[in-house]
Amino acid sequence: MSLIIPAELLQHVETDLSTTALQRIIDGQEKAITKRFGEHEAQTQVFYPNYSNVIYPTRRVSSITAIVERDGNTDTTLSADDYEITNSIRIDRLPDGTNSRTYWAPRVHVTYVPEDEAALRIQVLIDLCRLTIAYNALKRESTGDYSAESKDYQKERLEIMSQLGGRGLA
């Protein structure tokens, strides 16, 4: 389900595009956000910590649903006393929990609920849609006394996306 619908986008941009065309733009930009920063709700990430006792999820962590370590062919579902969330941005492996271990196993699956960032995602989505609608693929255009120069589309896009954080999945 989209974060916004065409009618909501039209409150922020002026365009003659049809609602079908606007929905395609919304869907495409929302897919780009999800591809780079993960799903809006619960998220699963796989880590290969390489003898570390710390892992860094892509997004800020609100709560952990499950952590499963895989060492060879053995899967171990960790207890809450096996790890600790620090400042919502890192997960530390604790050496004295139910499943004691100094370092993370070679492969770790973390399913977590990220902090709510729906309002920020909606703003980024609107800004990306606005950029897409305004994009005309010309670096410079002029007619008579009128002259205009367009900003670099990819640079603008990255700048808008960076509002969601410096890290991403891709």
Foldseek 3Di string as FASTA:
>chain_A
DFLDAQVVLCVPDDDPDDSVVLVVLLVVLLVVLCQWANDQWKGKDKDQFPFAQKDFDQAFFPFWPWKWADAPNDIDIDDPQQWDQDPSTMIGGAQPDPPHDRHTHRMMMTIGTGDRPSVLSVVLSSQSSNLVRPDDPDQKDDDDVDIDGDDDSVVSNVVSSCSRDDHTPD
